[in-house]
């Protein structure tokens, strides 16, 4: 299979790579050694630059000031932001196209447009202690009470909650005609009845924490329900499809950087008077890494292009799962090989391979584990056949 990125995607690729290399990567070690934190003025500068580049608007419709980029262009962008560790690329929020379909004009004005301008910062509360990849199994409830809803439940791994002023929370409707169905809500932070139970320490070193949030009778205006009762799961699926594809792209970017770093080190490291890169077992690790990256990248690009050409959404769901599965598993193997090539240096936190070996591990878990992706892929194969899943 041959695949050439269009000019627009290559242009974005070049622009974002320059931003990542010049502005973000130089702060990785500083962040790593300081709990994920960098100087506030630098973090603010990164956000301003990301906003000026349009990164908060790439998926938003033009009618609302967005760029409405093709998904293939967005994948090219995500691949470049994947090159940086310590979540430094998470320097601005992003409005996604499904939000403009789900939200009312008033909600777009109050929540989504400020997000695009960097005036609001979101986090999303979906996962629970008893409901991870099986989102349908959540226990958090939303009960209608006049012109409000009352939300009760506990949410885990609420990424970026420490930096957010708004949480999108998923709950099951309790009572009424839509009893047991899902809905999403905007909840402003802080909110009466909403508390942080604890903030666990995670393997990676990010300034974006993942606390456990408790909702105890949190009252939310009905005007802040996103879409209709019962539509929440559809919006989550739309979010998952896009995010799984972007995870695949970021994994490809991380693997690319790891291969570059490991190759440069192997070429310059002398053992017995010979460059380490001359040893065949080292060459094999580099060759396997490059071959796997090339395959995962092509699958990811093709899935993005399928989205842009209007592939049926159910088939697209499987394509995104294939891309996430292949790319996340690939990136983990590449990181492990890179650590091996660097040897003792690869076990130092100042080394890019060490950081990625920790950071990339979660890509096989969040937004659906590798096992869930396999079930989605197999389910598509059984329902739609081989051609209906990956094309004729």
Protein backbone atom coordinates (compact mmCIF):
# COMPACT_ATOMS: atom_id res chain seq x y z
CA UNK A 1 0.00 0.00 0.00
CA UNK A 2 1.30 3.43 -0.92
CA UNK A 3 0.03 6.53 0.85
CA UNK A 4 0.97 10.15 0.26
CA UNK A 5 -0.30 12.85 2.57
CA UNK A 6 -2.00 15.76 0.78
CA UNK A 7 -0.30 19.14 0.74
CA UNK A 8 -2.54 20.53 3.48
CA UNK A 9 -1.66 17.69 5.87
CA UNK A 10 2.06 18.04 5.14
CA UNK A 11 1.83 21.77 5.78
CA UNK A 12 0.21 21.20 9.17
CA UNK A 13 2.72 18.47 9.91
CA UNK A 14 5.62 20.85 9.31
CA UNK A 15 4.11 23.71 11.32
CA UNK A 16 3.26 21.60 14.35
CA UNK A 17 6.58 19.79 14.28
CA UNK A 18 8.40 23.14 14.45
CA UNK A 19 6.26 24.15 17.43
CA UNK A 20 6.86 20.84 19.20
CA UNK A 21 10.61 20.82 18.58
CA UNK A 22 11.28 24.48 19.37
CA UNK A 23 8.83 25.14 22.21
CA UNK A 24 7.69 21.94 23.92
CA UNK A 25 10.47 19.35 23.81
CA UNK A 26 13.04 21.66 25.48
CA UNK A 27 10.87 21.64 28.65
CA UNK A 28 10.44 17.88 28.97
CA UNK A 29 13.18 17.24 31.53
CA UNK A 30 12.17 20.31 33.56
CA UNK A 31 8.63 18.94 33.71
CA UNK A 32 9.80 15.44 34.55
CA UNK A 33 11.91 16.57 37.47
CA UNK A 34 9.23 18.90 38.89
CA UNK A 35 6.08 16.82 39.07
CA UNK A 36 5.05 17.73 35.55
CA UNK A 37 5.21 21.46 36.22
CA UNK A 38 6.98 24.07 34.15
CA UNK A 39 7.11 27.83 34.91
CA UNK A 40 3.60 29.33 34.70
CA UNK A 41 4.66 31.96 32.18
CA UNK A 42 6.05 29.26 29.89
CA UNK A 43 2.85 27.18 30.19
CA UNK A 44 0.83 30.32 29.39
CA UNK A 45 3.03 31.03 26.37
CA UNK A 46 2.57 27.48 25.09
CA UNK A 47 -1.21 27.87 25.38
CA UNK A 48 -1.17 31.19 23.52
CA UNK A 49 0.97 29.74 20.76
CA UNK A 50 -1.23 26.65 20.44
CA UNK A 51 -4.32 28.85 20.24
CA UNK A 52 -2.66 31.07 17.64
CA UNK A 53 -1.82 27.97 15.60
CA UNK A 54 -5.52 27.08 15.71
CA UNK A 55 -5.15 23.81 17.61
CA UNK A 56 -8.32 24.42 19.63
CA UNK A 57 -10.33 24.88 16.42
CA UNK A 58 -9.15 22.15 14.05
CA UNK A 59 -12.31 20.01 14.41
CA UNK A 60 -14.81 22.85 14.86
CA UNK A 61 -17.11 23.92 11.99
CA UNK A 62 -16.27 27.05 10.07
CA UNK A 63 -19.66 28.57 10.90
CA UNK A 64 -18.43 28.90 14.49
CA UNK A 65 -14.94 30.12 13.68
CA UNK A 66 -13.43 26.66 13.40
CA UNK A 67 -11.05 25.28 10.80
CA UNK A 68 -13.05 22.09 10.04
CA UNK A 69 -9.89 20.33 8.94
CA UNK A 70 -10.11 16.93 7.27
CA UNK A 71 -9.52 14.14 9.78
CA UNK A 72 -6.38 13.19 7.86
CA UNK A 73 -4.95 16.65 8.52
CA UNK A 74 -5.91 16.31 12.18
CA UNK A 75 -4.13 12.96 12.37
CA UNK A 76 -1.01 14.55 10.87
CA UNK A 77 -1.17 17.17 13.64
CA UNK A 78 -1.70 14.60 16.41
CA UNK A 79 1.22 12.56 15.13
CA UNK A 80 3.52 15.52 15.70
CA UNK A 81 2.17 16.37 19.15
CA UNK A 82 2.77 12.72 20.02
CA UNK A 83 6.51 13.35 19.77
CA UNK A 84 6.64 15.21 23.09
CA UNK A 85 6.53 13.65 26.56
CA UNK A 86 5.03 14.84 29.88
CA UNK A 87 1.72 15.88 28.25
CA UNK A 88 3.29 19.20 27.30
CA UNK A 89 1.29 19.03 24.07
CA UNK A 90 -1.91 19.26 26.13
CA UNK A 91 -1.42 23.01 26.25
CA UNK A 92 -4.90 24.04 25.05
CA UNK A 93 -8.40 22.63 24.99
CA UNK A 94 -10.09 21.47 21.83
CA UNK A 95 -13.66 21.75 20.59
CA UNK A 96 -14.80 18.60 18.80
CA UNK A 97 -17.33 18.52 15.98
CA UNK A 98 -19.81 16.35 17.91
CA UNK A 99 -20.15 19.14 20.48
CA UNK A 100 -21.68 21.45 17.89
CA UNK A 101 -24.20 18.75 16.93
CA UNK A 102 -25.05 17.97 20.57
CA UNK A 103 -25.07 21.40 22.19
CA UNK A 104 -27.72 24.09 22.02
CA UNK A 105 -26.82 27.53 20.62
CA UNK A 106 -26.79 28.84 24.19
CA UNK A 107 -24.40 26.07 25.30
CA UNK A 108 -22.14 26.74 22.33
CA UNK A 109 -21.96 30.39 23.36
CA UNK A 110 -21.42 29.66 27.06
CA UNK A 111 -19.14 26.63 26.90
CA UNK A 112 -17.75 25.67 23.49
CA UNK A 113 -16.69 29.00 22.01
CA UNK A 114 -14.92 30.00 25.28
CA UNK A 115 -13.14 26.62 25.13
CA UNK A 116 -11.92 27.46 21.63
CA UNK A 117 -10.64 30.84 22.86
CA UNK A 118 -8.83 29.33 25.85
CA UNK A 119 -11.25 30.96 28.29
CA UNK A 120 -12.66 27.64 29.53
CA UNK A 121 -10.91 24.39 30.33
CA UNK A 122 -12.77 21.08 30.30
CA UNK A 123 -12.36 17.67 31.88
CA UNK A 124 -14.55 14.63 31.25
CA UNK A 125 -15.96 12.30 33.92
CA UNK A 126 -16.98 8.97 32.41
CA UNK A 127 -15.02 6.09 33.98
CA UNK A 128 -16.03 4.56 37.30
CA UNK A 129 -14.50 2.05 39.69
CA UNK A 130 -16.92 -0.63 38.47
CA UNK A 131 -17.23 0.55 34.88
CA UNK A 132 -14.09 1.12 32.82
CA UNK A 133 -14.20 0.21 29.15
CA UNK A 134 -17.81 -0.94 29.52
CA UNK A 135 -19.26 2.56 29.73
CA UNK A 136 -22.81 1.25 29.69
CA UNK A 137 -22.24 -0.17 33.17
CA UNK A 138 -21.87 3.18 34.95
CA UNK A 139 -23.74 3.69 38.23
CA UNK A 140 -23.81 7.51 38.35
CA UNK A 141 -27.39 8.77 38.13
CA UNK A 142 -29.14 11.98 37.11
CA UNK A 143 -32.64 12.49 38.52
CA UNK A 144 -34.90 15.26 37.20
CA UNK A 145 -36.08 17.70 39.86
CA UNK A 146 -38.05 20.56 38.37
CA UNK A 147 -35.81 22.61 36.12
CA UNK A 148 -32.68 20.87 37.46
CA UNK A 149 -31.10 17.44 37.55
CA UNK A 150 -29.58 15.95 40.69
CA UNK A 151 -26.42 13.95 40.01
CA UNK A 152 -25.06 11.28 42.36
CA UNK A 153 -22.06 9.02 41.76
CA UNK A 154 -18.31 8.63 41.75
CA UNK A 155 -15.97 9.07 38.78
CA UNK A 156 -12.39 7.85 38.41
CA UNK A 157 -9.46 9.00 36.24
CA UNK A 158 -10.95 12.44 35.56
CA UNK A 159 -8.04 13.70 33.49
CA UNK A 160 -7.17 17.41 33.86
CA UNK A 161 -9.76 17.99 36.60
CA UNK A 162 -7.18 19.96 38.61
CA UNK A 163 -6.87 22.46 35.73
CA UNK A 164 -10.54 22.58 34.66
CA UNK A 165 -13.41 24.94 35.31
CA UNK A 166 -15.99 22.70 33.62
CA UNK A 167 -16.59 18.96 33.79
CA UNK A 168 -18.61 16.98 31.26
CA UNK A 169 -20.17 14.16 33.27
CA UNK A 170 -21.94 11.07 31.97
CA UNK A 171 -24.83 9.70 34.02
CA UNK A 172 -27.80 7.37 33.69
CA UNK A 173 -31.22 8.96 33.80
CA UNK A 174 -33.17 7.89 36.87
CA UNK A 175 -36.94 7.91 36.44
CA UNK A 176 -39.18 9.14 33.64
CA UNK A 177 -39.59 7.87 30.11
CA UNK A 178 -35.82 7.66 29.52
CA UNK A 179 -35.07 5.76 32.74
CA UNK A 180 -31.75 3.89 32.48
CA UNK A 181 -30.55 5.70 29.37
CA UNK A 182 -27.46 7.89 29.24
CA UNK A 183 -27.05 11.65 29.22
CA UNK A 184 -24.19 14.13 29.41
CA UNK A 185 -24.13 17.32 31.47
CA UNK A 186 -21.97 20.41 31.84
CA UNK A 187 -21.09 21.03 35.48
CA UNK A 188 -19.24 24.19 36.44
CA UNK A 189 -16.38 23.89 38.92
CA UNK A 190 -16.49 24.26 41.84
CA UNK A 191 -20.01 22.96 42.50
CA UNK A 192 -21.92 22.31 45.72
CA UNK A 193 -21.82 18.59 46.45
CA UNK A 194 -18.87 17.92 44.12
CA UNK A 195 -15.69 16.90 45.93
CA UNK A 196 -12.30 15.39 45.17
CA UNK A 197 -11.96 12.16 47.12
CA UNK A 198 -8.27 11.80 46.33
CA UNK A 199 -5.70 12.37 43.61
CA UNK A 200 -3.75 9.14 43.02
CA UNK A 201 -0.14 9.22 41.84
CA UNK A 202 0.22 7.82 38.33
CA UNK A 203 3.08 6.23 36.41
CA UNK A 204 3.59 9.26 34.19
CA UNK A 205 4.64 12.75 35.30
CA UNK A 206 1.96 15.17 34.10
CA UNK A 207 0.71 18.46 35.48
CA UNK A 208 -2.71 17.15 34.40
CA UNK A 209 -3.90 15.04 37.33
CA UNK A 210 -6.53 12.30 37.29
CA UNK A 211 -8.50 12.64 40.55
CA UNK A 212 -11.47 10.67 41.81
CA UNK A 213 -14.53 12.92 41.96
CA UNK A 214 -17.64 12.40 44.08
CA UNK A 215 -21.03 13.82 43.09
CA UNK A 216 -23.37 14.05 46.09
CA UNK A 217 -26.66 15.65 45.11
CA UNK A 218 -25.01 18.01 42.62
CA UNK A 219 -27.74 20.19 41.11
CA UNK A 220 -27.35 20.96 37.42
CA UNK A 221 -29.74 23.19 35.43
CA UNK A 222 -31.66 21.29 32.78
CA UNK A 223 -30.30 23.90 30.36
CA UNK A 224 -26.85 22.34 30.91
CA UNK A 225 -27.87 18.86 29.77
CA UNK A 226 -26.06 18.08 26.51
CA UNK A 227 -28.58 16.91 23.92
CA UNK A 228 -31.64 14.92 24.87
CA UNK A 229 -32.03 12.26 27.51
CA UNK A 230 -30.82 9.00 26.00
CA UNK A 231 -28.35 10.56 23.57
CA UNK A 232 -25.32 10.50 25.86
CA UNK A 233 -23.93 7.17 24.69
CA UNK A 234 -24.02 8.25 21.06
CA UNK A 235 -21.98 11.35 21.86
CA UNK A 236 -19.48 9.26 23.84
CA UNK A 237 -19.10 6.86 20.90
CA UNK A 238 -18.39 9.81 18.58
CA UNK A 239 -15.78 11.06 21.04
CA UNK A 240 -14.24 7.58 21.34
CA UNK A 241 -13.99 7.12 17.57
CA UNK A 242 -12.06 10.33 17.11
CA UNK A 243 -9.92 9.97 20.23
CA UNK A 244 -8.95 6.39 19.40
CA UNK A 245 -7.73 7.57 16.03
CA UNK A 246 -5.81 10.45 17.59
CA UNK A 247 -4.24 8.09 20.14
CA UNK A 248 -3.06 5.95 17.23
CA UNK A 249 -1.56 9.03 15.57
CA UNK A 250 0.17 10.18 18.76
CA UNK A 251 1.61 6.69 19.24
CA UNK A 252 3.06 6.85 15.73
CA UNK A 253 4.66 10.21 16.53
CA UNK A 254 6.15 8.86 19.75
CA UNK A 255 7.52 5.79 17.98
CA UNK A 256 9.07 7.96 15.28
CA UNK A 257 10.92 10.04 17.85
CA UNK A 258 12.06 6.95 19.73
CA UNK A 259 13.44 5.36 16.57
CA UNK A 260 15.26 8.57 15.68
CA UNK A 261 16.78 8.84 19.16
CA UNK A 262 17.75 5.16 19.37
CA UNK A 263 19.28 5.22 15.87
CA UNK A 264 21.33 8.32 16.64
CA UNK A 265 22.58 6.81 19.90
CA UNK A 266 23.43 3.45 18.32
CA UNK A 267 25.34 5.15 15.50
CA UNK A 268 27.41 7.23 17.92
CA UNK A 269 27.99 4.71 20.72
CA UNK A 270 31.24 2.81 20.23
CA UNK A 271 31.69 -0.71 21.59
CA UNK A 272 35.09 -2.31 21.05
CA UNK A 273 35.91 0.39 18.55
CA UNK A 274 32.79 -0.28 16.47
CA UNK A 275 29.54 1.72 16.37
CA UNK A 276 26.84 -0.16 18.24
CA UNK A 277 24.65 0.22 15.16
CA UNK A 278 26.93 -2.25 13.36
CA UNK A 279 25.81 -5.09 15.65
CA UNK A 280 23.11 -7.16 14.00
CA UNK A 281 20.94 -7.66 17.08
CA UNK A 282 20.75 -3.88 17.50
CA UNK A 283 19.96 -3.54 13.80
CA UNK A 284 17.17 -6.09 14.21
CA UNK A 285 15.55 -4.03 16.97
CA UNK A 286 15.73 -0.90 14.84
CA UNK A 287 14.44 -2.71 11.76
CA UNK A 288 11.50 -4.27 13.61
CA UNK A 289 10.61 -0.90 15.10
CA UNK A 290 10.70 0.86 11.74
CA UNK A 291 8.65 -1.83 9.99
CA UNK A 292 6.00 -1.79 12.71
CA UNK A 293 5.80 2.01 12.71
CA UNK A 294 5.36 2.08 8.94
CA UNK A 295 2.50 -0.44 9.09
CA UNK A 296 0.71 1.30 11.98
CA UNK A 297 1.08 4.72 10.35
CA UNK A 298 -0.44 3.50 7.07
CA UNK A 299 -3.40 1.94 8.88
CA UNK A 300 -3.93 5.15 10.87
CA UNK A 301 -3.76 7.35 7.78
CA UNK A 302 -6.15 5.06 5.91
CA UNK A 303 -8.66 5.12 8.77
CA UNK A 304 -8.53 8.92 8.78
CA UNK A 305 -9.00 9.04 5.02
CA UNK A 306 -11.94 6.62 5.32
CA UNK A 307 -13.54 9.07 7.75
CA UNK A 308 -13.04 11.92 5.30
CA UNK A 309 -14.59 9.98 2.41
CA UNK A 310 -17.71 9.27 4.49
CA UNK A 311 -17.32 5.61 5.37
CA UNK A 312 -20.29 4.12 7.23
CA UNK A 313 -19.97 5.01 10.90
CA UNK A 314 -20.14 1.38 12.09
CA UNK A 315 -17.34 0.32 9.77
CA UNK A 316 -15.42 3.44 10.79
CA UNK A 317 -15.78 2.41 14.44
CA UNK A 318 -13.91 -0.81 13.65
CA UNK A 319 -11.27 1.00 11.55
CA UNK A 320 -10.49 3.33 14.46
CA UNK A 321 -10.22 0.36 16.81
CA UNK A 322 -7.80 -1.37 14.42
CA UNK A 323 -5.64 1.75 14.26
CA UNK A 324 -5.59 2.23 18.05
CA UNK A 325 -4.85 -1.45 18.69
CA UNK A 326 -1.99 -1.67 16.19
CA UNK A 327 -0.41 1.70 16.98
CA UNK A 328 -0.60 1.51 20.77
CA UNK A 329 0.78 -2.03 20.89
CA UNK A 330 3.48 -1.07 18.38
CA UNK A 331 4.56 2.00 20.33
CA UNK A 332 4.94 -0.02 23.52
CA UNK A 333 7.26 -2.47 21.78
CA UNK A 334 9.27 0.33 20.19
CA UNK A 335 9.70 2.06 23.56
CA UNK A 336 10.89 -1.18 25.15
CA UNK A 337 13.44 -1.75 22.38
CA UNK A 338 14.62 1.86 22.67
CA UNK A 339 15.25 1.44 26.39
CA UNK A 340 17.24 -1.73 25.59
CA UNK A 341 19.35 0.06 23.00
CA UNK A 342 20.12 2.93 25.36
CA UNK A 343 21.03 0.41 28.07
CA UNK A 344 21.54 1.99 31.49
CA UNK A 345 20.90 5.43 30.03
CA UNK A 346 17.48 4.23 28.95
CA UNK A 347 16.56 3.74 32.58
CA UNK A 348 17.24 7.39 33.47
CA UNK A 349 14.24 9.70 33.71
CA UNK A 350 16.10 12.34 31.71
CA UNK A 351 16.05 9.93 28.75
CA UNK A 352 13.19 10.12 26.27
CA UNK A 353 12.96 6.34 26.03
CA UNK A 354 12.44 5.98 29.79
CA UNK A 355 9.67 8.57 29.81
CA UNK A 356 7.88 7.13 26.82
CA UNK A 357 8.16 3.60 28.22
CA UNK A 358 5.96 4.80 31.09
CA UNK A 359 3.72 7.18 29.21
CA UNK A 360 2.82 4.97 26.26
CA UNK A 361 1.63 2.14 28.48
CA UNK A 362 -1.69 3.85 29.15
CA UNK A 363 -2.51 4.04 25.44
CA UNK A 364 -3.37 0.34 25.62
CA UNK A 365 -5.88 1.12 28.37
CA UNK A 366 -7.70 4.45 28.09
CA UNK A 367 -10.45 5.13 25.56
CA UNK A 368 -10.97 1.36 25.48
CA UNK A 369 -8.39 -1.30 26.31
CA UNK A 370 -6.66 -3.38 23.65
CA UNK A 371 -8.99 -6.21 24.61
CA UNK A 372 -12.05 -4.03 23.99
CA UNK A 373 -10.64 -3.02 20.60
CA UNK A 374 -10.25 -6.69 19.70
CA UNK A 375 -13.87 -7.35 20.63
CA UNK A 376 -15.03 -4.41 18.47
CA UNK A 377 -12.95 -5.63 15.54
CA UNK A 378 -14.11 -9.24 15.87
CA UNK A 379 -17.73 -8.10 16.27
CA UNK A 380 -17.47 -6.11 13.04
CA UNK A 381 -15.94 -9.08 11.24
CA UNK A 382 -18.78 -11.36 12.35
CA UNK A 383 -21.49 -8.83 11.47
CA UNK A 384 -20.10 -7.25 8.30
CA UNK A 385 -17.50 -9.70 7.06
CA UNK A 386 -13.94 -9.01 6.01
CA UNK A 387 -14.74 -6.55 3.23
CA UNK A 388 -17.24 -4.69 5.41
CA UNK A 389 -14.61 -4.24 8.11
CA UNK A 390 -11.38 -3.40 6.28
CA UNK A 391 -12.63 -2.87 2.72
CA UNK A 392 -12.62 -5.09 -0.35
